[in-house]
Protein backbone atom coordinates (compact mmCIF):
# COMPACT_ATOMS: atom_id res chain seq x y z
CA MET A 1 74.96 -9.13 -66.14
CA LYS A 2 78.15 -7.22 -65.37
CA LEU A 3 80.71 -7.01 -68.15
CA GLN A 4 83.51 -8.63 -66.13
CA GLN A 5 81.28 -11.55 -65.12
CA SER A 6 80.06 -11.93 -68.68
CA LEU A 7 83.63 -12.08 -69.98
CA MET A 8 84.54 -14.68 -67.35
CA ILE A 9 81.56 -16.85 -68.33
CA ASN A 10 82.42 -16.53 -72.03
CA GLU A 11 86.01 -17.55 -71.28
CA LEU A 12 84.82 -20.61 -69.36
CA MET A 13 82.42 -21.59 -72.13
CA VAL A 14 85.25 -21.36 -74.68
CA LYS A 15 87.41 -23.52 -72.40
CA ILE A 16 84.61 -26.11 -72.23
CA ALA A 17 84.11 -26.01 -76.01
CA ILE A 18 87.83 -26.63 -76.51
CA THR A 19 87.75 -29.50 -74.01
CA LEU A 20 84.81 -31.08 -75.82
CA GLU A 21 86.84 -31.08 -79.06
CA GLU A 22 90.04 -32.47 -77.54
CA THR A 23 91.15 -35.98 -78.43
CA ILE A 24 90.90 -37.31 -74.89
CA SER A 25 88.59 -39.92 -73.43
CA LYS A 26 84.96 -39.07 -72.77
CA LYS A 27 85.61 -39.66 -69.08
CA ASP A 28 88.41 -37.08 -69.10
CA LYS A 29 86.24 -34.62 -71.04
CA VAL A 30 83.50 -34.94 -68.43
CA ILE A 31 85.94 -34.47 -65.56
CA LYS A 32 87.61 -31.42 -67.16
CA CYS A 33 84.26 -29.83 -67.99
CA PHE A 34 82.89 -30.44 -64.49
CA ASN A 35 86.03 -28.87 -63.02
CA THR A 36 85.58 -25.86 -65.30
CA ILE A 37 81.92 -25.23 -64.48
CA SER A 38 82.21 -26.11 -60.79
CA GLY A 39 81.09 -23.13 -58.72
CA LEU A 40 80.01 -21.11 -61.74
CA GLU A 41 77.64 -18.37 -60.58
CA ILE A 42 74.25 -18.39 -62.30
CA SER A 43 72.39 -15.86 -60.14
CA ALA A 44 73.20 -13.01 -62.54
CA LEU A 45 71.53 -14.83 -65.44
CA ARG A 46 67.96 -14.32 -66.55
CA SER A 47 65.39 -16.42 -64.73
CA GLY A 48 64.74 -18.61 -67.78
CA GLN A 49 68.43 -19.33 -68.19
CA GLN A 50 68.75 -20.21 -64.52
CA SER A 51 65.84 -22.64 -64.77
CA SER A 52 67.28 -24.26 -67.89
CA ILE A 53 70.71 -24.69 -66.29
CA LYS A 54 69.16 -26.12 -63.12
CA LYS A 55 67.28 -28.63 -65.27
CA GLN A 56 70.54 -29.73 -66.92
CA ILE A 57 72.20 -30.03 -63.52
CA LEU A 58 69.34 -32.22 -62.31
CA LEU A 59 69.77 -34.44 -65.37
CA ILE A 60 73.52 -34.66 -64.70
CA ASN A 61 72.91 -35.53 -61.06
CA GLY A 62 70.38 -38.16 -62.13
CA VAL A 63 73.10 -39.92 -64.12
CA LEU A 64 75.85 -39.50 -61.53
CA GLN A 65 73.82 -40.83 -58.63
CA GLN A 66 73.64 -44.18 -60.41
CA TYR A 67 77.38 -44.60 -59.82
CA PRO A 68 79.52 -44.61 -56.65
CA ILE A 69 81.65 -41.62 -57.67
CA LYS A 70 84.19 -40.68 -55.00
CA THR A 71 87.33 -40.04 -57.06
CA HIS A 72 88.23 -39.19 -60.65
CA GLU A 73 89.07 -42.86 -61.23
CA ASP A 74 85.47 -43.75 -60.37
CA TYR A 75 84.33 -41.95 -63.52
CA SER A 76 85.64 -44.98 -65.43
CA LEU A 77 82.64 -46.88 -64.00
CA ILE A 78 80.24 -44.72 -66.02
CA SER A 79 78.88 -46.41 -69.13
CA ASP A 80 79.61 -44.98 -72.56
CA TYR A 81 75.89 -44.26 -72.94
CA HIS A 82 75.85 -42.20 -69.75
CA LEU A 83 79.10 -40.41 -70.63
CA ASN A 84 77.44 -39.33 -73.88
CA LYS A 85 74.42 -38.09 -71.93
CA LEU A 86 76.66 -36.12 -69.56
CA LEU A 87 78.53 -34.53 -72.47
CA LYS A 88 75.22 -33.62 -74.09
CA ASN A 89 74.09 -31.95 -70.85
CA ILE A 90 77.36 -30.04 -70.63
CA LYS A 91 76.91 -28.81 -74.21
CA GLN A 92 73.38 -27.69 -73.33
CA ILE A 93 74.70 -25.70 -70.38
CA CYS A 94 77.15 -23.95 -72.72
CA LEU A 95 74.35 -23.12 -75.15
CA ILE A 96 72.20 -21.74 -72.33
CA PHE A 97 75.02 -19.54 -71.03
CA CYS A 98 75.67 -18.23 -74.53
CA ASP A 99 71.98 -17.52 -75.21
């Protein structure tokens, strides 16, 4: 992976880690983290990392498709249980990127 891309990914992962520790609602953490990782390029990662990230994205999508999410306000419809699952998946993505 190119140095500049690696530094950008590390910066985004730090931003996500900070967001996960903020004293804001779980809903807001999920929204901020999704905004941070949106469009993040994974093609430069090793094949195993790509597969692991794709698995986490599938798990995230599996949760989100249970809710009619159209706006940020719609995230308030997500159960606490599912918000915890989403945050766990986001943490896993961070761990995979940092591996």
